[in-house]
C-alpha atoms as a PDB file:
ATOM      1  CA  UNK A   1      72.934 120.706 121.717  1.00  0.00           C
ATOM      2  CA  UNK A   2      69.346 119.797 120.734  1.00  0.00           C
ATOM      3  CA  UNK A   3      69.900 121.787 117.634  1.00  0.00           C
ATOM      4  CA  UNK A   4      73.161 120.267 116.928  1.00  0.00           C
ATOM      5  CA  UNK A   5      71.600 116.874 117.098  1.00  0.00           C
ATOM      6  CA  UNK A   6      68.741 117.718 114.776  1.00  0.00           C
ATOM      7  CA  UNK A   7      71.105 119.075 112.269  1.00  0.00           C
ATOM      8  CA  UNK A   8      73.325 116.119 112.458  1.00  0.00           C
ATOM      9  CA  UNK A   9      70.456 113.759 111.953  1.00  0.00           C
ATOM     10  CA  UNK A  10      69.181 115.633 109.135  1.00  0.00           C
ATOM     11  CA  UNK A  11      72.669 115.924 107.450  1.00  0.00           C
ATOM     12  CA  UNK A  12      72.821 112.313 107.796  1.00  0.00           C
ATOM     13  CA  UNK A  13      69.608 111.294 106.337  1.00  0.00           C
ATOM     14  CA  UNK A  14      69.833 113.888 103.489  1.00  0.00           C
ATOM     15  CA  UNK A  15      73.499 112.815 102.369  1.00  0.00           C
ATOM     16  CA  UNK A  16      72.314 109.220 102.530  1.00  0.00           C
ATOM     17  CA  UNK A  17      69.337 109.495 100.317  1.00  0.00           C
ATOM     18  CA  UNK A  18      71.666 111.487  97.763  1.00  0.00           C
ATOM     19  CA  UNK A  19      74.306 108.497  97.797  1.00  0.00           C
ATOM     20  CA  UNK A  20      71.402 106.270  96.671  1.00  0.00           C
ATOM     21  CA  UNK A  21      71.399 107.834  93.226  1.00  0.00           C
ATOM     22  CA  UNK A  22      74.898 108.701  92.586  1.00  0.00           C
ATOM     23  CA  UNK A  23      77.084 106.977  89.691  1.00  0.00           C
ATOM     24  CA  UNK A  24      80.359 108.402  90.176  1.00  0.00           C
ATOM     25  CA  UNK A  25      82.235 105.979  92.573  1.00  0.00           C
ATOM     26  CA  UNK A  26      83.726 108.988  94.330  1.00  0.00           C
ATOM     27  CA  UNK A  27      80.754 110.933  94.522  1.00  0.00           C
ATOM     28  CA  UNK A  28      78.757 107.965  96.450  1.00  0.00           C
ATOM     29  CA  UNK A  29      81.846 107.867  99.054  1.00  0.00           C
ATOM     30  CA  UNK A  30      81.877 111.666  99.152  1.00  0.00           C
ATOM     31  CA  UNK A  31      78.121 111.865 100.322  1.00  0.00           C
ATOM     32  CA  UNK A  32      78.763 108.874 102.531  1.00  0.00           C
ATOM     33  CA  UNK A  33      81.466 111.093 104.326  1.00  0.00           C
ATOM     34  CA  UNK A  34      78.996 113.723 104.667  1.00  0.00           C
ATOM     35  CA  UNK A  35      76.223 111.185 106.233  1.00  0.00           C
ATOM     36  CA  UNK A  36      78.822 109.863 108.517  1.00  0.00           C
ATOM     37  CA  UNK A  37      79.791 113.128 109.709  1.00  0.00           C
ATOM     38  CA  UNK A  38      76.055 113.859 110.502  1.00  0.00           C
ATOM     39  CA  UNK A  39      76.235 110.762 112.973  1.00  0.00           C
ATOM     40  CA  UNK A  40      78.903 112.254 114.551  1.00  0.00           C
ATOM     41  CA  UNK A  41      77.287 115.722 115.251  1.00  0.00           C
ATOM     42  CA  UNK A  42      74.139 113.483 116.339  1.00  0.00           C
ATOM     43  CA  UNK A  43      76.245 111.920 118.829  1.00  0.00           C
ATOM     44  CA  UNK A  44      77.692 115.425 119.975  1.00  0.00           C
ATOM     45  CA  UNK A  45      73.977 116.698 120.191  1.00  0.00           C
ATOM     46  CA  UNK A  46      72.977 113.978 122.651  1.00  0.00           C
ATOM     47  CA  UNK A  47      76.228 114.349 124.650  1.00  0.00           C
ATOM     48  CA  UNK A  48      77.856 111.069 123.299  1.00  0.00           C
ATOM     49  CA  UNK A  49      81.182 112.839 123.072  1.00  0.00           C
ATOM     50  CA  UNK A  50      83.263 109.791 123.380  1.00  0.00           C
ATOM     51  CA  UNK A  51      80.979 108.166 120.929  1.00  0.00           C
ATOM     52  CA  UNK A  52      81.512 110.986 118.346  1.00  0.00           C
ATOM     53  CA  UNK A  53      85.075 110.878 118.607  1.00  0.00           C
ATOM     54  CA  UNK A  54      84.960 106.754 118.517  1.00  0.00           C
ATOM     55  CA  UNK A  55      83.069 107.494 115.069  1.00  0.00           C
ATOM     56  CA  UNK A  56      85.564 109.764 113.737  1.00  0.00           C
ATOM     57  CA  UNK A  57      88.412 107.190 114.590  1.00  0.00           C
ATOM     58  CA  UNK A  58      86.776 104.134 113.008  1.00  0.00           C
ATOM     59  CA  UNK A  59      85.437 106.313 110.232  1.00  0.00           C
ATOM     60  CA  UNK A  60      88.954 107.276 109.481  1.00  0.00           C
ATOM     61  CA  UNK A  61      89.786 103.439 109.070  1.00  0.00           C
ATOM     62  CA  UNK A  62      87.075 102.242 106.723  1.00  0.00           C
ATOM     63  CA  UNK A  63      86.611 105.305 104.711  1.00  0.00           C
ATOM     64  CA  UNK A  64      90.394 105.797 103.766  1.00  0.00           C
ATOM     65  CA  UNK A  65      90.084 102.223 102.834  1.00  0.00           C
ATOM     66  CA  UNK A  66      86.897 102.976 100.571  1.00  0.00           C
ATOM     67  CA  UNK A  67      88.525 106.131  98.921  1.00  0.00           C
ATOM     68  CA  UNK A  68      91.857 104.551  98.322  1.00  0.00           C
ATOM     69  CA  UNK A  69      89.868 101.486  97.029  1.00  0.00           C
ATOM     70  CA  UNK A  70      87.985 103.396  94.820  1.00  0.00           C
ATOM     71  CA  UNK A  71      91.343 104.978  93.549  1.00  0.00           C
ATOM     72  CA  UNK A  72      92.629 101.327  92.855  1.00  0.00           C
ATOM     73  CA  UNK A  73      89.420 100.736  90.794  1.00  0.00           C
ATOM     74  CA  UNK A  74      89.751 103.823  88.845  1.00  0.00           C
ATOM     75  CA  UNK A  75      93.527 103.116  88.342  1.00  0.00           C
ATOM     76  CA  UNK A  76      92.490  99.736  87.075  1.00  0.00           C
ATOM     77  CA  UNK A  77      89.792 100.914  84.920  1.00  0.00           C
ATOM     78  CA  UNK A  78      91.919 103.484  83.064  1.00  0.00           C
ATOM     79  CA  UNK A  79      90.593 106.509  85.146  1.00  0.00           C
ATOM     80  CA  UNK A  80      86.830 105.441  84.808  1.00  0.00           C
ATOM     81  CA  UNK A  81      84.746 106.517  87.705  1.00  0.00           C
ATOM     82  CA  UNK A  82      81.145 105.847  86.231  1.00  0.00           C
ATOM     83  CA  UNK A  83      80.129 102.626  88.110  1.00  0.00           C
ATOM     84  CA  UNK A  84      77.698 101.859  85.156  1.00  0.00           C
ATOM     85  CA  UNK A  85      80.779 101.451  83.023  1.00  0.00           C
ATOM     86  CA  UNK A  86      82.354  98.838  85.561  1.00  0.00           C
ATOM     87  CA  UNK A  87      80.901  95.354  86.578  1.00  0.00           C
ATOM     88  CA  UNK A  88      82.405  91.829  87.224  1.00  0.00           C
ATOM     89  CA  UNK A  89      85.869  93.412  88.584  1.00  0.00           C
ATOM     90  CA  UNK A  90      86.213  91.266  91.396  1.00  0.00           C
ATOM     91  CA  UNK A  91      88.121  88.532  89.376  1.00  0.00           C
ATOM     92  CA  UNK A  92      90.481  91.137  87.854  1.00  0.00           C
ATOM     93  CA  UNK A  93      91.114  93.159  91.130  1.00  0.00           C
ATOM     94  CA  UNK A  94      90.679  90.461  93.903  1.00  0.00           C
ATOM     95  CA  UNK A  95      92.557  92.415  96.690  1.00  0.00           C
ATOM     96  CA  UNK A  96      90.885  95.564  95.999  1.00  0.00           C
ATOM     97  CA  UNK A  97      87.421  93.645  95.918  1.00  0.00           C
ATOM     98  CA  UNK A  98      88.131  92.075  99.346  1.00  0.00           C
ATOM     99  CA  UNK A  99      89.424  95.038 100.985  1.00  0.00           C
ATOM    100  CA  UNK A 100      86.668  97.103  99.808  1.00  0.00           C
ATOM    101  CA  UNK A 101      83.923  94.578 101.023  1.00  0.00           C
ATOM    102  CA  UNK A 102      85.542  94.769 104.392  1.00  0.00           C
ATOM    103  CA  UNK A 103      85.142  98.483 104.144  1.00  0.00           C
ATOM    104  CA  UNK A 104      81.565  98.221 103.231  1.00  0.00           C
ATOM    105  CA  UNK A 105      80.809  95.822 105.998  1.00  0.00           C
ATOM    106  CA  UNK A 106      82.556  98.033 108.485  1.00  0.00           C
ATOM    107  CA  UNK A 107      80.581 101.272 107.254  1.00  0.00           C
ATOM    108  CA  UNK A 108      77.335  99.179 107.180  1.00  0.00           C
ATOM    109  CA  UNK A 109      77.596  98.454 110.817  1.00  0.00           C
ATOM    110  CA  UNK A 110      78.101  94.513 110.363  1.00  0.00           C
ATOM    111  CA  UNK A 111      79.744  92.998 113.654  1.00  0.00           C
ATOM    112  CA  UNK A 112      82.444  92.672 114.389  1.00  0.00           C
ATOM    113  CA  UNK A 113      83.679  95.362 111.876  1.00  0.00           C
ATOM    114  CA  UNK A 114      84.839  98.739 113.236  1.00  0.00           C
ATOM    115  CA  UNK A 115      81.791 100.640 112.242  1.00  0.00           C
ATOM    116  CA  UNK A 116      79.533  98.520 114.103  1.00  0.00           C
ATOM    117  CA  UNK A 117      80.764  99.417 117.728  1.00  0.00           C
ATOM    118  CA  UNK A 118      81.002 103.147 117.022  1.00  0.00           C
ATOM    119  CA  UNK A 119      77.855 103.682 115.084  1.00  0.00           C
ATOM    120  CA  UNK A 120      75.699 101.263 117.524  1.00  0.00           C
ATOM    121  CA  UNK A 121      77.186 103.334 120.532  1.00  0.00           C
ATOM    122  CA  UNK A 122      75.778 106.633 119.009  1.00  0.00           C
ATOM    123  CA  UNK A 123      72.468 105.093 118.442  1.00  0.00           C
ATOM    124  CA  UNK A 124      72.367 103.741 121.991  1.00  0.00           C
ATOM    125  CA  UNK A 125      72.925 107.480 123.199  1.00  0.00           C
ATOM    126  CA  UNK A 126      70.285 108.725 121.048  1.00  0.00           C
ATOM    127  CA  UNK A 127      67.759 106.135 122.132  1.00  0.00           C
ATOM    128  CA  UNK A 128      67.805 107.380 125.626  1.00  0.00           C
ATOM    129  CA  UNK A 129      67.786 110.948 124.059  1.00  0.00           C
ATOM    130  CA  UNK A 130      64.744 110.632 121.718  1.00  0.00           C
ATOM    131  CA  UNK A 131      62.959 107.478 120.339  1.00  0.00           C
ATOM    132  CA  UNK A 132      62.067 109.261 117.180  1.00  0.00           C
ATOM    133  CA  UNK A 133      65.541 110.241 116.305  1.00  0.00           C
ATOM    134  CA  UNK A 134      66.772 107.005 117.234  1.00  0.00           C
ATOM    135  CA  UNK A 135      64.351 105.266 114.565  1.00  0.00           C
ATOM    136  CA  UNK A 136      65.493 107.929 111.982  1.00  0.00           C
ATOM    137  CA  UNK A 137      69.056 107.067 112.603  1.00  0.00           C
ATOM    138  CA  UNK A 138      68.491 103.430 112.186  1.00  0.00           C
ATOM    139  CA  UNK A 139      66.711 104.047 108.969  1.00  0.00           C
ATOM    140  CA  UNK A 140      69.667 106.072 107.739  1.00  0.00           C
ATOM    141  CA  UNK A 141      71.934 103.173 108.621  1.00  0.00           C
ATOM    142  CA  UNK A 142      69.842 101.003 106.481  1.00  0.00           C
ATOM    143  CA  UNK A 143      70.148 103.563 103.628  1.00  0.00           C
ATOM    144  CA  UNK A 144      73.913 103.246 104.091  1.00  0.00           C
ATOM    145  CA  UNK A 145      74.237  99.656 103.735  1.00  0.00           C
ATOM    146  CA  UNK A 146      72.033 100.009 100.658  1.00  0.00           C
ATOM    147  CA  UNK A 147      73.848 102.564  98.786  1.00  0.00           C
ATOM    148  CA  UNK A 148      77.573 101.046  99.953  1.00  0.00           C
ATOM    149  CA  UNK A 149      76.532  97.666  98.757  1.00  0.00           C
ATOM    150  CA  UNK A 150      75.207  99.186  95.569  1.00  0.00           C
ATOM    151  CA  UNK A 151      78.560 100.791  94.909  1.00  0.00           C
ATOM    152  CA  UNK A 152      80.149  97.139  95.726  1.00  0.00           C
ATOM    153  CA  UNK A 153      77.904  95.250  93.612  1.00  0.00           C
ATOM    154  CA  UNK A 154      77.789  97.756  90.502  1.00  0.00           C
ATOM    155  CA  UNK A 155      81.532  97.632  90.577  1.00  0.00           C
ATOM    156  CA  UNK A 156      82.466  94.040  91.295  1.00  0.00           C
ATOM    157  CA  UNK A 157      79.583  91.873  90.330  1.00  0.00           C
ATOM    158  CA  UNK A 158      77.771  91.191  86.796  1.00  0.00           C
ATOM    159  CA  UNK A 159      79.116  91.593  83.507  1.00  0.00           C
ATOM    160  CA  UNK A 160      81.901  93.861  82.720  1.00  0.00           C
ATOM    161  CA  UNK A 161      80.258  97.062  81.105  1.00  0.00           C
ATOM    162  CA  UNK A 162      83.337  98.976  79.956  1.00  0.00           C
ATOM    163  CA  UNK A 163      85.082  99.128  76.600  1.00  0.00           C
ATOM    164  CA  UNK A 164      87.298  96.669  75.135  1.00  0.00           C
ATOM    165  CA  UNK A 165      90.192  98.631  75.878  1.00  0.00           C
ATOM    166  CA  UNK A 166      89.539  99.048  79.346  1.00  0.00           C
ATOM    167  CA  UNK A 167      88.868  95.335  79.302  1.00  0.00           C
ATOM    168  CA  UNK A 168      92.344  94.841  77.962  1.00  0.00           C
ATOM    169  CA  UNK A 169      94.280  97.067  80.385  1.00  0.00           C
ATOM    170  CA  UNK A 170      92.228  95.904  83.460  1.00  0.00           C
ATOM    171  CA  UNK A 171      94.592  94.697  86.314  1.00  0.00           C
ATOM    172  CA  UNK A 172      95.267  94.785  89.927  1.00  0.00           C
ATOM    173  CA  UNK A 173      96.843  97.732  91.140  1.00  0.00           C
ATOM    174  CA  UNK A 174     100.751  97.351  92.299  1.00  0.00           C
ATOM    175  CA  UNK A 175     101.776  96.487  95.979  1.00  0.00           C
ATOM    176  CA  UNK A 176     102.292 100.400  96.697  1.00  0.00           C
ATOM    177  CA  UNK A 177      98.413 100.789  96.271  1.00  0.00           C
ATOM    178  CA  UNK A 178      97.271  97.308  97.890  1.00  0.00           C
ATOM    179  CA  UNK A 179      99.458  97.177 100.836  1.00  0.00           C
ATOM    180  CA  UNK A 180      97.819 100.275 102.158  1.00  0.00           C
ATOM    181  CA  UNK A 181      94.367  98.672 101.501  1.00  0.00           C
ATOM    182  CA  UNK A 182      95.300  95.486 103.496  1.00  0.00           C
ATOM    183  CA  UNK A 183      96.507  97.581 106.212  1.00  0.00           C
ATOM    184  CA  UNK A 184      93.376  99.914 106.513  1.00  0.00           C
ATOM    185  CA  UNK A 185      91.263  96.663 106.250  1.00  0.00           C
ATOM    186  CA  UNK A 186      92.917  95.092 109.290  1.00  0.00           C
ATOM    187  CA  UNK A 187      92.158  98.435 110.998  1.00  0.00           C
ATOM    188  CA  UNK A 188      88.335  98.177 109.945  1.00  0.00           C
ATOM    189  CA  UNK A 189      87.881  94.781 110.900  1.00  0.00           C
ATOM    190  CA  UNK A 190      89.616  95.026 114.086  1.00  0.00           C
ATOM    191  CA  UNK A 191      89.714  98.713 115.206  1.00  0.00           C
ATOM    192  CA  UNK A 192      86.333  98.540 116.843  1.00  0.00           C
ATOM    193  CA  UNK A 193      87.420  96.309 119.656  1.00  0.00           C
ATOM    194  CA  UNK A 194      89.045  99.529 121.396  1.00  0.00           C
ATOM    195  CA  UNK A 195      85.534 100.560 122.244  1.00  0.00           C
ATOM    196  CA  UNK A 196      83.670  97.177 122.786  1.00  0.00           C
ATOM    197  CA  UNK A 197      80.896  97.544 125.076  1.00  0.00           C
ATOM    198  CA  UNK A 198      81.342  96.043 128.471  1.00  0.00           C
ATOM    199  CA  UNK A 199      78.255  93.841 128.460  1.00  0.00           C
ATOM    200  CA  UNK A 200      79.799  92.158 125.443  1.00  0.00           C
ATOM    201  CA  UNK A 201      82.895  91.414 127.598  1.00  0.00           C
ATOM    202  CA  UNK A 202      84.965  94.262 126.164  1.00  0.00           C
ATOM    203  CA  UNK A 203      86.839  97.225 127.685  1.00  0.00           C
ATOM    204  CA  UNK A 204      86.345 100.838 126.352  1.00  0.00           C
ATOM    205  CA  UNK A 205      90.049 101.603 126.054  1.00  0.00           C
ATOM    206  CA  UNK A 206      89.189 104.727 124.061  1.00  0.00           C
ATOM    207  CA  UNK A 207      86.613 105.822 126.722  1.00  0.00           C
ATOM    208  CA  UNK A 208      88.935 105.244 129.551  1.00  0.00           C
ATOM    209  CA  UNK A 209      91.611 107.511 127.574  1.00  0.00           C
ATOM    210  CA  UNK A 210      89.309 110.281 127.187  1.00  0.00           C
ATOM    211  CA  UNK A 211      87.621 109.915 130.482  1.00  0.00           C
ATOM    212  CA  UNK A 212      89.849 112.830 132.039  1.00  0.00           C
ATOM    213  CA  UNK A 213      88.499 115.476 129.467  1.00  0.00           C
ATOM    214  CA  UNK A 214      85.192 114.983 130.742  1.00  0.00           C
ATOM    215  CA  UNK A 215      85.932 114.956 134.603  1.00  0.00           C
ATOM    216  CA  UNK A 216      84.300 118.399 135.275  1.00  0.00           C
ATOM    217  CA  UNK A 217      81.450 117.963 133.016  1.00  0.00           C
ATOM    218  CA  UNK A 218      80.513 114.719 134.590  1.00  0.00           C
ATOM    219  CA  UNK A 219      80.319 116.736 137.685  1.00  0.00           C
ATOM    220  CA  UNK A 220      78.036 119.302 136.486  1.00  0.00           C
ATOM    221  CA  UNK A 221      75.851 116.854 134.489  1.00  0.00           C
ATOM    222  CA  UNK A 222      76.182 113.307 135.887  1.00  0.00           C
ATOM    223  CA  UNK A 223      72.842 112.031 134.498  1.00  0.00           C
ATOM    224  CA  UNK A 224      74.020 112.945 130.918  1.00  0.00           C
ATOM    225  CA  UNK A 225      77.002 110.814 131.003  1.00  0.00           C
ATOM    226  CA  UNK A 226      75.315 108.012 132.658  1.00  0.00           C
ATOM    227  CA  UNK A 227      72.098 107.622 130.425  1.00  0.00           C
ATOM    228  CA  UNK A 228      72.747 104.070 128.823  1.00  0.00           C
ATOM    229  CA  UNK A 229      70.099 101.451 128.296  1.00  0.00           C
ATOM    230  CA  UNK A 230      70.051  98.261 130.299  1.00  0.00           C
ATOM    231  CA  UNK A 231      71.481  95.229 129.028  1.00  0.00           C
ATOM    232  CA  UNK A 232      68.338  93.689 127.494  1.00  0.00           C
ATOM    233  CA  UNK A 233      67.454  97.037 125.823  1.00  0.00           C
ATOM    234  CA  UNK A 234      71.044  97.257 124.575  1.00  0.00           C
ATOM    235  CA  UNK A 235      70.814  93.761 122.886  1.00  0.00           C
ATOM    236  CA  UNK A 236      67.444  94.592 121.279  1.00  0.00           C
ATOM    237  CA  UNK A 237      69.010  97.949 119.824  1.00  0.00           C
ATOM    238  CA  UNK A 238      71.857  96.323 118.565  1.00  0.00           C
ATOM    239  CA  UNK A 239      69.787  93.474 116.649  1.00  0.00           C
ATOM    240  CA  UNK A 240      67.387  95.977 115.221  1.00  0.00           C
ATOM    241  CA  UNK A 241      70.456  97.975 113.781  1.00  0.00           C
ATOM    242  CA  UNK A 242      72.174  94.760 112.422  1.00  0.00           C
ATOM    243  CA  UNK A 243      68.822  93.838 110.892  1.00  0.00           C
ATOM    244  CA  UNK A 244      68.394  97.308 109.009  1.00  0.00           C
ATOM    245  CA  UNK A 245      71.777  96.770 107.643  1.00  0.00           C
ATOM    246  CA  UNK A 246      71.203  93.221 106.743  1.00  0.00           C
ATOM    247  CA  UNK A 247      67.927  94.590 105.055  1.00  0.00           C
ATOM    248  CA  UNK A 248      69.905  97.210 103.276  1.00  0.00           C
ATOM    249  CA  UNK A 249      72.466  94.674 101.971  1.00  0.00           C
ATOM    250  CA  UNK A 250      69.794  92.210 100.724  1.00  0.00           C
ATOM    251  CA  UNK A 251      67.951  94.952  99.015  1.00  0.00           C
ATOM    252  CA  UNK A 252      71.018  96.255  97.154  1.00  0.00           C
ATOM    253  CA  UNK A 253      71.840  92.587  96.238  1.00  0.00           C
ATOM    254  CA  UNK A 254      68.311  91.668  94.918  1.00  0.00           C
ATOM    255  CA  UNK A 255      68.187  94.982  92.776  1.00  0.00           C
ATOM    256  CA  UNK A 256      71.701  95.011  91.534  1.00  0.00           C
ATOM    257  CA  UNK A 257      72.682  91.446  91.458  1.00  0.00           C
ATOM    258  CA  UNK A 258      69.655  89.065  91.236  1.00  0.00           C
ATOM    259  CA  UNK A 259      67.885  91.491  88.957  1.00  0.00           C
ATOM    260  CA  UNK A 260      70.843  92.972  87.517  1.00  0.00           C
ATOM    261  CA  UNK A 261      69.207  96.366  87.471  1.00  0.00           C
ATOM    262  CA  UNK A 262      71.244  99.270  85.962  1.00  0.00           C
ATOM    263  CA  UNK A 263      71.040 103.153  86.798  1.00  0.00           C
ATOM    264  CA  UNK A 264      69.547 105.209  84.290  1.00  0.00           C
ATOM    265  CA  UNK A 265      71.648 106.299  81.369  1.00  0.00           C
ATOM    266  CA  UNK A 266      69.665 109.297  80.323  1.00  0.00           C
ATOM    267  CA  UNK A 267      67.677 111.845  82.224  1.00  0.00           C
ATOM    268  CA  UNK A 268      64.581 110.848  80.619  1.00  0.00           C
ATOM    269  CA  UNK A 269      64.717 107.505  82.006  1.00  0.00           C
ATOM    270  CA  UNK A 270      64.502 108.581  85.684  1.00  0.00           C
ATOM    271  CA  UNK A 271      61.597 108.868  87.694  1.00  0.00           C
ATOM    272  CA  UNK A 272      60.591 111.867  89.372  1.00  0.00           C
ATOM    273  CA  UNK A 273      62.049 111.035  92.944  1.00  0.00           C
ATOM    274  CA  UNK A 274      65.227 109.404  91.187  1.00  0.00           C
ATOM    275  CA  UNK A 275      65.902 112.558  89.395  1.00  0.00           C
ATOM    276  CA  UNK A 276      65.399 114.751  92.382  1.00  0.00           C
ATOM    277  CA  UNK A 277      67.821 112.703  94.497  1.00  0.00           C
ATOM    278  CA  UNK A 278      70.201 112.283  91.626  1.00  0.00           C
ATOM    279  CA  UNK A 279      70.469 116.110  91.507  1.00  0.00           C
ATOM    280  CA  UNK A 280      70.817 116.558  95.082  1.00  0.00           C
ATOM    281  CA  UNK A 281      67.377 118.002  95.650  1.00  0.00           C
ATOM    282  CA  UNK A 282      68.584 120.722  93.438  1.00  0.00           C
ATOM    283  CA  UNK A 283      70.241 122.355  96.117  1.00  0.00           C
ATOM    284  CA  UNK A 284      73.165 123.593  94.259  1.00  0.00           C
ATOM    285  CA  UNK A 285      70.698 125.046  91.605  1.00  0.00           C
ATOM    286  CA  UNK A 286      68.921 126.819  94.433  1.00  0.00           C
ATOM    287  CA  UNK A 287      71.903 128.234  96.178  1.00  0.00           C
ATOM    288  CA  UNK A 288      73.179 129.344  92.733  1.00  0.00           C
ATOM    289  CA  UNK A 289      69.653 131.157  91.944  1.00  0.00           C
ATOM    290  CA  UNK A 290      69.356 132.607  95.604  1.00  0.00           C
ATOM    291  CA  UNK A 291      73.055 133.585  96.471  1.00  0.00           C
ATOM    292  CA  UNK A 292      75.626 133.129  93.465  1.00  0.00           C
ATOM    293  CA  UNK A 293      73.545 134.598  90.667  1.00  0.00           C
ATOM    294  CA  UNK A 294      72.460 137.832  92.957  1.00  0.00           C
ATOM    295  CA  UNK A 295      75.867 138.141  94.003  1.00  0.00           C
ATOM    296  CA  UNK A 296      77.294 138.029  90.568  1.00  0.00           C
ATOM    297  CA  UNK A 297      74.812 140.369  89.501  1.00  0.00           C
ATOM    298  CA  UNK A 298      75.615 142.969  92.340  1.00  0.00           C
ATOM    299  CA  UNK A 299      79.378 142.471  91.658  1.00  0.00           C
ATOM    300  CA  UNK A 300      78.901 143.394  88.025  1.00  0.00           C
ATOM    301  CA  UNK A 301      76.656 146.629  89.022  1.00  0.00           C
ATOM    302  CA  UNK A 302      79.056 147.695  91.611  1.00  0.00           C
ATOM    303  CA  UNK A 303      81.942 147.219  89.044  1.00  0.00           C
ATOM    304  CA  UNK A 304      80.110 149.167  86.122  1.00  0.00           C
ATOM    305  CA  UNK A 305      78.454 152.014  88.151  1.00  0.00           C
ATOM    306  CA  UNK A 306      80.922 152.365  91.157  1.00  0.00           C
ATOM    307  CA  UNK A 307      84.413 151.320  89.722  1.00  0.00           C
ATOM    308  CA  UNK A 308      84.007 152.445  86.289  1.00  0.00           C
ATOM    309  CA  UNK A 309      81.586 155.217  87.011  1.00  0.00           C
ATOM    310  CA  UNK A 310      83.109 156.727  90.281  1.00  0.00           C
ATOM    311  CA  UNK A 311      86.327 155.217  91.475  1.00  0.00           C
ATOM    312  CA  UNK A 312      88.203 155.046  88.006  1.00  0.00           C
ATOM    313  CA  UNK A 313      87.120 158.978  87.043  1.00  0.00           C
ATOM    314  CA  UNK A 314      88.234 160.053  90.423  1.00  0.00           C
ATOM    315  CA  UNK A 315      91.541 158.039  90.196  1.00  0.00           C
ATOM    316  CA  UNK A 316      92.416 159.017  86.602  1.00  0.00           C
ATOM    317  CA  UNK A 317      91.305 162.562  87.191  1.00  0.00           C
ATOM    318  CA  UNK A 318      93.648 162.896  89.925  1.00  0.00           C
ATOM    319  CA  UNK A 319      96.469 161.814  87.472  1.00  0.00           C
ATOM    320  CA  UNK A 320      95.219 163.838  84.717  1.00  0.00           C
ATOM    321  CA  UNK A 321      95.271 167.029  87.242  1.00  0.00           C
ATOM    322  CA  UNK A 322      98.732 166.078  87.992  1.00  0.00           C
ATOM    323  CA  UNK A 323      99.808 165.902  84.461  1.00  0.00           C
ATOM    324  CA  UNK A 324      98.211 169.057  83.500  1.00  0.00           C
ATOM    325  CA  UNK A 325     100.011 170.932  86.464  1.00  0.00           C
ATOM    326  CA  UNK A 326     103.188 169.253  85.169  1.00  0.00           C
ATOM    327  CA  UNK A 327     102.496 170.587  81.858  1.00  0.00           C
ATOM    328  CA  UNK A 328     101.973 174.270  83.151  1.00  0.00           C
ATOM    329  CA  UNK A 329     105.152 174.094  85.262  1.00  0.00           C
ATOM    330  CA  UNK A 330     107.249 173.270  81.977  1.00  0.00           C
ATOM    331  CA  UNK A 331     106.366 176.854  80.815  1.00  0.00           C
ATOM    332  CA  UNK A 332     108.348 178.097  83.892  1.00  0.00           C
ATOM    333  CA  UNK A 333     111.306 175.784  83.373  1.00  0.00           C
ATOM    334  CA  UNK A 334     112.663 177.481  80.290  1.00  0.00           C
ATOM    335  CA  UNK A 335     116.287 176.551  81.114  1.00  0.00           C
ATOM    336  CA  UNK A 336     117.158 180.262  80.404  1.00  0.00           C
ATOM    337  CA  UNK A 337     119.155 181.743  83.343  1.00  0.00           C
ATOM    338  CA  UNK A 338     118.014 185.194  82.484  1.00  0.00           C
ATOM    339  CA  UNK A 339     114.284 184.124  82.695  1.00  0.00           C
ATOM    340  CA  UNK A 340     115.108 182.831  86.078  1.00  0.00           C
ATOM    341  CA  UNK A 341     116.731 185.863  87.321  1.00  0.00           C
ATOM    342  CA  UNK A 342     113.733 188.119  86.061  1.00  0.00           C
ATOM    343  CA  UNK A 343     111.290 185.995  87.955  1.00  0.00           C
ATOM    344  CA  UNK A 344     113.278 186.189  90.869  1.00  0.00           C
ATOM    345  CA  UNK A 345     113.386 189.780  90.716  1.00  0.00           C
ATOM    346  CA  UNK A 346     109.638 189.790  90.137  1.00  0.00           C
ATOM    347  CA  UNK A 347     109.200 187.636  92.891  1.00  0.00           C
END
C-alpha cells in the first residue's frame, strides 16, 4: 500500500504540473482528471478507502460538469478549443460561466463545495500517515486551483481573442446542453455534504453506507481505520488546505486577469521549464523512442526476414508442389478408356 500511495501522489503532482501549461481546454481537464485519480490512489495507499470512493463520487459531479461546460464553450466558439483564442465569454455564455465557476471552486477544494469535503478527508488520512506526503498533497491542491482558474480566466475574462466570425456566431448553448450543467452544478455545490465531517456537525452518510464492506478489515487492522487527527489539528489542516487553494486562485487572477498575461504562441517564446511542462516532460517522446520505435523496427525486421523470408516461401512452396503434383497427374488422366485398362493390367 505504501507503493500505491507514493505512485498516486506522484501521479497527482506530475499531472497537475502538466496542466499548468496546456492551452487546449480539453487537455487541461484531461490532465486534471489524471491528477484527481492520483489523489484517489493516494487515499487507497493510506487505507482511506471510504475517502477514495467519496472522491470518486464528488469528482464525478464536478468533472462531468467541467467537461460538459467545456463542450458548451467549444460549441459556442464554433469548435475552437484553444483558450488563447477565447476570452470574455462570460457575457455571451452566462449559464456556462456560472456553472463552470462552481465546478472550478469544487475541484479547487473551496468550502462548501463537493471537492472540499472529499479532498480534505483524503489529506487528513495522509497527514496521519506521512507529513511529507501531506505537504506535497497540499501543494498539488494549490497547483490544481491555479490551473483550473487559469482555464476559467483565460476562457471567460479579458478581451475576446477569437476571429470576427467566431464573435458573430458566439452564443449560449441550448437548454439541452445547459440543463445538465445546472443539475451537475447543484450536485457539485451540495454533493459533499453526504460526507461532511462529524466535528463540523455533519453525518458521513457515505461512510455509514460503506461501513459493512470494511467490517472484517477493521477487525484485522483497527488502528488503520481509526487514525484520524484530533479536532484542533483537523481545523488547522483544513485551514492550510483552503489557504493553499485560495493562494492558487489569487495567483491565477494576478497573472491572467490583473496582468492579462497570455500563454506563449510560439515555441521560441517559452522558457526552458515552460517548454518542458508543455511537452509533458517529453514522456511521449521518450516512450516513443524506447518502446514504439524499437517495436516497430522489430516488427518490420520480422516481417522482412521471417514473414517474407521463411513463412511465405514455405507456404508458397507447398502450394507450388501441390500444383506441380496436379500437373503430373494430368498426364495420367488422359480420358482414354484403353489407356486406363492398360494401366490396370500393368498395375
